[in-house]
N, C-alpha and C. Protein backbone atom coordinates (compact mmCIF):
# COMPACT_ATOMS: atom_id res chain seq x y z
N MET A 1 8.60 4.86 -13.91
CA MET A 1 8.43 6.11 -13.97
C MET A 1 7.60 6.84 -14.75
N ASP A 2 8.30 6.26 -16.10
CA ASP A 2 7.98 6.98 -17.29
C ASP A 2 6.03 7.00 -17.65
N ARG A 3 6.01 5.42 -16.94
CA ARG A 3 4.45 5.02 -17.44
C ARG A 3 3.50 5.01 -15.80
N GLY A 4 3.65 5.53 -15.32
CA GLY A 4 2.94 6.38 -13.98
C GLY A 4 2.66 5.24 -13.37
N LEU A 5 2.36 5.92 -12.38
CA LEU A 5 1.78 4.58 -10.64
C LEU A 5 1.11 3.68 -11.46
N PRO A 6 -0.15 3.47 -12.21
CA PRO A 6 -0.26 1.99 -12.02
C PRO A 6 0.68 0.62 -12.90
N GLU A 7 1.13 1.17 -13.74
CA GLU A 7 2.35 0.47 -14.72
C GLU A 7 3.37 0.58 -13.94
N ALA A 8 3.86 0.46 -12.51
CA ALA A 8 4.45 0.46 -12.15
C ALA A 8 4.15 -0.51 -10.42
N LEU A 9 3.24 -0.10 -10.00
CA LEU A 9 2.53 -1.08 -8.89
C LEU A 9 1.78 -2.69 -10.31
N ARG A 10 1.65 -2.86 -11.13
CA ARG A 10 1.64 -3.99 -12.17
C ARG A 10 3.04 -4.66 -12.20
N ALA A 11 3.81 -3.97 -12.33
CA ALA A 11 4.73 -4.75 -12.86
C ALA A 11 5.54 -5.27 -11.03
N ALA A 12 5.49 -4.92 -10.00
CA ALA A 12 5.44 -4.68 -8.67
C ALA A 12 4.78 -6.01 -8.46
N ALA A 13 3.86 -6.48 -8.85
CA ALA A 13 2.46 -7.28 -8.40
C ALA A 13 2.85 -8.65 -9.17
N ASN A 14 3.68 -7.81 -10.91
CA ASN A 14 4.20 -9.24 -11.33
C ASN A 14 5.33 -9.88 -10.60
N ARG A 15 6.32 -9.27 -10.27
CA ARG A 15 6.99 -10.28 -9.42
C ARG A 15 6.60 -10.03 -7.45
N ALA A 16 5.96 -10.38 -6.77
CA ALA A 16 5.62 -10.79 -5.80
C ALA A 16 5.20 -12.08 -5.61
N VAL A 17 5.63 -11.74 -4.00
CA VAL A 17 5.62 -13.75 -3.68
C VAL A 17 4.36 -13.96 -3.43
N LEU A 18 3.34 -13.39 -3.49
CA LEU A 18 1.69 -13.85 -4.15
C LEU A 18 0.41 -13.28 -4.78
N PRO A 19 -0.32 -14.12 -5.32
CA PRO A 19 -0.57 -14.19 -6.48
C PRO A 19 -1.04 -12.27 -6.19
N THR A 20 -0.95 -11.67 -6.50
CA THR A 20 -1.73 -10.38 -6.50
C THR A 20 -2.47 -9.75 -7.73
N ASP A 21 -3.66 -9.19 -7.29
CA ASP A 21 -4.42 -8.00 -8.34
C ASP A 21 -4.41 -6.80 -7.92
N VAL A 22 -4.26 -6.05 -9.26
CA VAL A 22 -4.05 -4.88 -8.35
C VAL A 22 -4.71 -3.95 -10.35
N ASN A 23 -6.04 -3.00 -8.78
CA ASN A 23 -6.91 -2.54 -9.78
C ASN A 23 -6.08 -0.63 -9.48
N ALA A 24 -5.55 0.06 -10.70
CA ALA A 24 -5.42 1.51 -10.19
C ALA A 24 -5.17 2.48 -11.28
N ASP A 25 -6.18 2.37 -12.09
CA ASP A 25 -6.54 3.41 -12.85
C ASP A 25 -6.40 4.68 -13.03
N VAL A 26 -5.95 5.41 -12.30
CA VAL A 26 -5.82 6.56 -11.59
C VAL A 26 -4.43 7.74 -12.91
N GLY A 27 -4.56 8.93 -12.64
CA GLY A 27 -4.26 9.60 -13.45
C GLY A 27 -2.78 9.65 -13.20
N ARG A 28 -1.52 11.07 -13.20
CA ARG A 28 -0.05 11.36 -13.24
C ARG A 28 -0.61 12.18 -11.73
N TYR A 29 0.98 11.89 -11.34
CA TYR A 29 0.75 12.34 -9.70
C TYR A 29 2.10 13.32 -9.95
N ASP A 30 2.31 14.26 -9.04
CA ASP A 30 4.05 14.63 -8.73
C ASP A 30 4.71 13.65 -8.69
N SER A 31 5.58 13.36 -9.04
CA SER A 31 6.57 12.51 -8.39
C SER A 31 6.72 11.90 -7.53
N GLU A 32 6.92 13.31 -6.25
CA GLU A 32 6.86 12.50 -4.90
C GLU A 32 6.00 12.16 -4.56
N VAL A 33 4.43 12.00 -4.57
CA VAL A 33 3.37 12.11 -4.27
C VAL A 33 2.86 9.60 -5.19
N GLU A 34 3.40 10.26 -5.95
CA GLU A 34 3.77 8.79 -7.01
C GLU A 34 5.13 7.74 -6.20
N ALA A 35 6.59 8.42 -5.85
CA ALA A 35 6.99 7.32 -5.46
C ALA A 35 6.67 7.11 -4.43
N ALA A 36 5.90 7.93 -3.10
CA ALA A 36 5.51 7.71 -2.05
C ALA A 36 4.25 6.56 -1.81
N VAL A 37 3.54 6.57 -2.96
CA VAL A 37 2.36 5.54 -3.21
C VAL A 37 3.01 4.20 -3.21
N TYR A 38 3.64 4.11 -4.48
CA TYR A 38 4.31 2.83 -4.76
C TYR A 38 5.00 2.28 -3.82
N PHE A 39 6.21 2.70 -2.58
CA PHE A 39 7.11 2.51 -2.19
C PHE A 39 6.54 1.69 -1.00
N CYS A 40 5.07 2.67 -0.30
CA CYS A 40 4.67 2.20 0.60
C CYS A 40 3.66 0.23 0.26
N CYS A 41 3.02 0.79 -0.70
CA CYS A 41 2.68 -0.30 -2.57
C CYS A 41 3.16 -1.14 -2.15
N LEU A 42 4.11 -1.51 -2.27
CA LEU A 42 5.10 -2.50 -2.27
C LEU A 42 6.04 -3.11 -1.15
N GLU A 43 6.50 -1.77 0.30
CA GLU A 43 6.68 -2.26 1.49
C GLU A 43 5.43 -3.06 2.06
N ALA A 44 3.87 -3.04 1.74
CA ALA A 44 2.98 -3.46 2.25
C ALA A 44 2.74 -5.21 1.44
N MET A 45 3.11 -5.11 0.08
CA MET A 45 3.39 -6.46 -0.49
C MET A 45 4.27 -7.18 0.18
N GLN A 46 5.24 -6.63 0.17
CA GLN A 46 6.24 -7.53 0.87
C GLN A 46 5.91 -8.07 2.34
N ASN A 47 5.81 -7.34 3.14
CA ASN A 47 5.08 -7.38 4.07
C ASN A 47 4.66 -8.36 4.30
N ALA A 48 3.26 -8.67 3.30
CA ALA A 48 2.07 -9.73 3.24
C ALA A 48 2.80 -10.93 2.90
N GLY A 49 4.09 -10.78 1.30
CA GLY A 49 4.77 -11.74 1.12
C GLY A 49 5.52 -12.58 2.59
N LYS A 50 6.01 -12.22 3.41
CA LYS A 50 6.61 -12.09 4.33
C LYS A 50 5.40 -13.18 6.01
N HIS A 51 4.81 -12.22 5.84
CA HIS A 51 3.75 -12.68 6.96
C HIS A 51 2.57 -13.15 7.10
N ALA A 52 2.01 -13.51 5.75
CA ALA A 52 0.11 -13.50 5.36
C ALA A 52 0.41 -14.67 5.31
N GLY A 53 1.17 -15.77 4.77
CA GLY A 53 1.03 -17.25 5.01
C GLY A 53 0.89 -17.92 3.53
N ASP A 54 0.57 -19.12 3.56
CA ASP A 54 0.36 -20.05 2.95
C ASP A 54 -1.21 -19.46 1.92
N GLY A 55 -0.93 -19.39 0.90
CA GLY A 55 -2.70 -20.10 0.56
C GLY A 55 -3.03 -17.83 -0.11
N ALA A 56 -1.94 -17.29 0.85
CA ALA A 56 -2.49 -15.78 0.87
C ALA A 56 -3.37 -15.37 -0.44
N ARG A 57 -4.01 -14.02 -0.86
CA ARG A 57 -3.77 -13.39 -1.81
C ARG A 57 -3.94 -12.00 -1.36
N LEU A 58 -3.78 -11.51 -2.73
CA LEU A 58 -3.24 -10.17 -2.39
C LEU A 58 -4.28 -8.81 -3.10
N SER A 59 -4.15 -7.87 -2.45
CA SER A 59 -5.05 -7.00 -4.07
C SER A 59 -4.13 -5.41 -3.84
N VAL A 60 -4.40 -4.98 -4.50
CA VAL A 60 -3.41 -3.87 -4.46
C VAL A 60 -4.72 -2.43 -5.29
N THR A 61 -5.33 -1.44 -4.56
CA THR A 61 -6.55 -1.00 -5.50
C THR A 61 -6.12 0.52 -4.73
N VAL A 62 -5.54 1.33 -5.96
CA VAL A 62 -5.52 2.96 -6.06
C VAL A 62 -6.82 3.70 -6.64
N SER A 63 -7.44 4.49 -5.76
CA SER A 63 -8.71 5.35 -6.51
C SER A 63 -7.84 6.75 -6.59
N ALA A 64 -8.92 7.95 -6.90
CA ALA A 64 -8.59 9.11 -6.68
C ALA A 64 -9.68 10.32 -6.80
N THR A 65 -10.14 10.71 -5.85
CA THR A 65 -10.52 12.48 -6.24
C THR A 65 -10.53 13.35 -7.09
N ASP A 66 -10.91 14.26 -7.10
CA ASP A 66 -10.17 15.68 -7.25
C ASP A 66 -9.44 16.33 -6.00
N THR A 67 -9.30 15.87 -5.31
CA THR A 67 -8.14 16.60 -3.54
C THR A 67 -7.73 15.06 -3.12
N GLU A 68 -8.08 14.06 -3.46
CA GLU A 68 -7.36 12.72 -2.22
C GLU A 68 -6.97 11.69 -3.51
N LEU A 69 -5.79 11.18 -3.17
CA LEU A 69 -5.06 10.30 -3.93
C LEU A 69 -5.49 9.07 -3.00
N ALA A 70 -6.07 8.11 -2.82
CA ALA A 70 -5.73 6.64 -2.33
C ALA A 70 -5.43 5.60 -2.60
N PHE A 71 -4.77 4.42 -1.54
CA PHE A 71 -4.37 3.09 -1.39
C PHE A 71 -4.76 2.34 -0.87
N GLU A 72 -4.89 0.93 -1.09
CA GLU A 72 -5.07 0.27 -0.05
C GLU A 72 -4.57 -1.04 -0.38
N VAL A 73 -4.00 -1.95 0.33
CA VAL A 73 -3.00 -3.15 0.04
C VAL A 73 -3.31 -3.92 1.36
N ALA A 74 -3.96 -5.33 0.60
CA ALA A 74 -4.74 -6.01 1.85
C ALA A 74 -4.72 -7.53 1.04
N ASP A 75 -4.29 -8.24 2.38
CA ASP A 75 -4.17 -9.30 2.02
C ASP A 75 -5.11 -10.37 3.02
N ASP A 76 -5.33 -11.18 2.25
CA ASP A 76 -6.55 -12.64 3.39
C ASP A 76 -6.43 -13.41 4.08
N GLY A 77 -4.76 -13.49 4.53
CA GLY A 77 -4.02 -13.33 4.88
C GLY A 77 -4.04 -14.08 7.06
N ALA A 78 -3.16 -14.20 7.17
CA ALA A 78 -3.10 -14.56 8.91
C ALA A 78 -3.40 -13.73 9.74
N GLY A 79 -2.76 -12.74 9.26
CA GLY A 79 -2.96 -11.09 10.12
C GLY A 79 -2.62 -11.33 11.07
N PHE A 80 -2.57 -9.87 12.32
CA PHE A 80 -2.07 -9.90 13.71
C PHE A 80 -2.40 -9.36 13.94
N ALA A 81 -2.31 -8.77 15.95
CA ALA A 81 -2.99 -8.12 16.10
C ALA A 81 -2.20 -6.70 16.76
N ALA A 82 -3.72 -5.64 15.85
CA ALA A 82 -2.64 -4.34 14.48
C ALA A 82 -2.56 -3.45 16.38
N THR A 83 -1.89 -3.53 16.88
CA THR A 83 -1.33 -2.98 19.02
C THR A 83 -0.18 -2.52 18.88
N GLY A 84 -0.38 -1.75 19.84
CA GLY A 84 1.80 -1.48 20.15
C GLY A 84 2.45 -1.62 19.38
N ALA A 85 3.14 -2.99 19.34
CA ALA A 85 4.89 -2.78 19.14
C ALA A 85 4.27 -3.27 17.41
N ALA A 86 3.24 -3.99 17.15
CA ALA A 86 3.45 -4.63 15.38
C ALA A 86 3.12 -3.06 14.94
N ARG A 87 2.20 -2.19 15.15
CA ARG A 87 2.18 -0.61 14.25
C ARG A 87 3.50 -0.34 14.64
N THR A 88 3.98 -0.20 15.83
CA THR A 88 5.97 1.03 15.53
C THR A 88 6.80 0.05 14.88
N GLY A 89 6.69 -1.47 14.10
CA GLY A 89 7.15 -1.66 13.46
C GLY A 89 8.64 -0.95 11.98
N HIS A 90 9.40 -1.25 12.29
CA HIS A 90 10.68 -0.52 10.47
C HIS A 90 9.12 -0.28 9.79
N GLY A 91 8.50 -0.84 9.02
CA GLY A 91 8.13 -0.84 8.02
C GLY A 91 6.93 0.05 8.36
N PHE A 92 6.18 -0.33 9.09
CA PHE A 92 4.56 0.57 9.53
C PHE A 92 5.15 2.28 9.66
N VAL A 93 6.60 2.36 10.33
CA VAL A 93 6.71 3.86 10.91
C VAL A 93 7.14 4.02 9.34
N ASN A 94 8.09 3.53 8.32
CA ASN A 94 8.91 4.00 7.55
C ASN A 94 7.48 4.42 6.19
N MET A 95 6.47 3.68 6.15
CA MET A 95 5.62 3.75 5.04
C MET A 95 4.55 5.55 5.92
N ALA A 96 4.45 4.69 7.47
CA ALA A 96 3.71 6.84 8.18
C ALA A 96 4.57 7.60 7.56
N ASP A 97 5.94 7.89 7.91
CA ASP A 97 6.69 8.87 7.69
C ASP A 97 6.70 9.69 5.96
N ARG A 98 6.84 8.49 5.32
CA ARG A 98 6.26 8.80 3.62
C ARG A 98 5.50 9.49 3.62
N LEU A 99 4.64 9.38 3.77
CA LEU A 99 3.45 9.82 3.74
C LEU A 99 2.76 10.97 4.57
N GLY A 100 3.54 10.92 5.81
CA GLY A 100 3.19 12.11 6.28
C GLY A 100 4.17 13.51 6.34
N ALA A 101 5.06 13.13 5.00
CA ALA A 101 6.37 14.12 4.84
C ALA A 101 5.27 14.63 3.47
N ILE A 102 4.52 14.66 2.86
CA ILE A 102 3.87 14.78 2.21
C ILE A 102 2.18 15.25 2.18
N GLY A 103 1.91 15.23 3.51
CA GLY A 103 0.32 15.71 3.87
C GLY A 103 -0.24 14.89 3.80
N GLY A 104 0.64 13.09 3.66
CA GLY A 104 -0.71 12.03 3.63
C GLY A 104 -0.81 11.48 5.21
N VAL A 105 -1.64 10.19 5.02
CA VAL A 105 -2.09 9.41 6.93
C VAL A 105 -1.75 8.04 5.90
N LEU A 106 -1.41 7.15 7.56
CA LEU A 106 -1.52 5.51 7.29
C LEU A 106 -2.16 4.92 8.22
N ASP A 107 -3.11 4.31 7.74
CA ASP A 107 -3.77 3.51 8.32
C ASP A 107 -3.41 1.98 8.56
N VAL A 108 -3.97 1.14 9.50
CA VAL A 108 -3.44 -0.14 9.50
C VAL A 108 -4.39 -0.89 10.41
N ASP A 109 -5.02 -2.25 9.59
CA ASP A 109 -6.15 -2.20 10.23
C ASP A 109 -6.19 -4.20 9.61
N SER A 110 -6.10 -4.75 11.50
CA SER A 110 -5.51 -6.46 11.23
C SER A 110 -6.15 -6.99 12.39
N ALA A 111 -6.04 -8.34 12.50
CA ALA A 111 -6.87 -9.22 13.40
C ALA A 111 -6.47 -10.60 13.26
N PRO A 112 -5.93 -11.25 13.91
CA PRO A 112 -5.59 -12.66 13.67
C PRO A 112 -6.59 -13.37 13.29
N GLY A 113 -5.95 -13.72 12.15
CA GLY A 113 -7.04 -14.48 11.21
C GLY A 113 -7.66 -14.50 10.30
N ALA A 114 -8.09 -12.64 9.88
CA ALA A 114 -8.90 -11.71 8.85
C ALA A 114 -8.11 -10.73 8.38
N GLY A 115 -7.05 -11.28 7.87
CA GLY A 115 -5.98 -10.49 7.14
C GLY A 115 -5.93 -9.40 7.55
N THR A 116 -4.45 -8.43 6.67
CA THR A 116 -4.68 -7.04 6.93
C THR A 116 -5.17 -5.65 5.55
N ARG A 117 -4.88 -4.67 6.10
CA ARG A 117 -5.26 -4.09 5.24
C ARG A 117 -4.68 -2.47 5.43
N ILE A 118 -3.73 -1.92 4.80
CA ILE A 118 -3.09 -1.37 4.79
C ILE A 118 -3.39 -0.26 4.08
N ARG A 119 -4.16 0.88 4.85
CA ARG A 119 -4.33 2.19 2.98
C ARG A 119 -3.44 3.24 4.07
N GLY A 120 -3.59 4.72 3.04
CA GLY A 120 -3.52 5.43 2.89
C GLY A 120 -3.76 6.01 2.15
N ARG A 121 -3.39 8.20 2.23
CA ARG A 121 -4.16 8.73 1.51
C ARG A 121 -3.68 10.06 1.87
N ILE A 122 -3.30 10.46 0.55
CA ILE A 122 -2.73 11.91 0.76
C ILE A 122 -3.52 13.08 -0.26
N THR A 123 -3.85 13.90 0.53
CA THR A 123 -4.49 14.99 -0.45
C THR A 123 -3.43 15.99 -1.27
N ARG A 124 -4.04 15.92 -2.07
CA ARG A 124 -2.84 16.33 -3.27
C ARG A 124 -3.99 16.89 -4.51
N ALA A 125 -3.35 17.69 -5.53
CA ALA A 125 -3.97 17.73 -6.37
C ALA A 125 -3.48 16.66 -7.94
N PRO A 126 -4.28 16.03 -8.91
CA PRO A 126 -3.41 15.61 -10.06
C PRO A 126 -2.66 17.03 -10.62
N ARG A 127 -0.89 17.04 -10.92
CA ARG A 127 -0.34 17.48 -11.57
C ARG A 127 -0.63 17.99 -13.47
C-alpha cells in the first residue's frame, strides 16, 4: 500500500501460478481506487491460474489518462464461452460490484481456445 498499485501488482505477479508480465507505470490514486483495481487484477490472475491451462501466460496492464484509470488482465489460455452463467460467476460479480461501487465498469472477453481478457475502467482523477 505504501509503494502504490504498480508495486503491489508486481509483487502479486511474482506469486502467480502463471508466468506474468506487468506493465503498470501509473501514479497514485485514492486508496479505494487502488484497492479496487488491485483486487480485481488479483481475482483475474487467480482465475487464470485455475482455468487457463498448462503453458498459458498472463499479462497485466494498467494505464491512465487525466480522467480514467484502466486495467486489463489477459491470458493466452483455454478461454471459455463468456456468456450466460459463466459471466455471472462469483468472481466476475464481485469484480463488477467492486468497480461499480466507485463508478467503474468491468468487461469480460473470452472464447474457447482464444484466451480471456478482463478489462476494467474507473473514471476518476488522480489524487
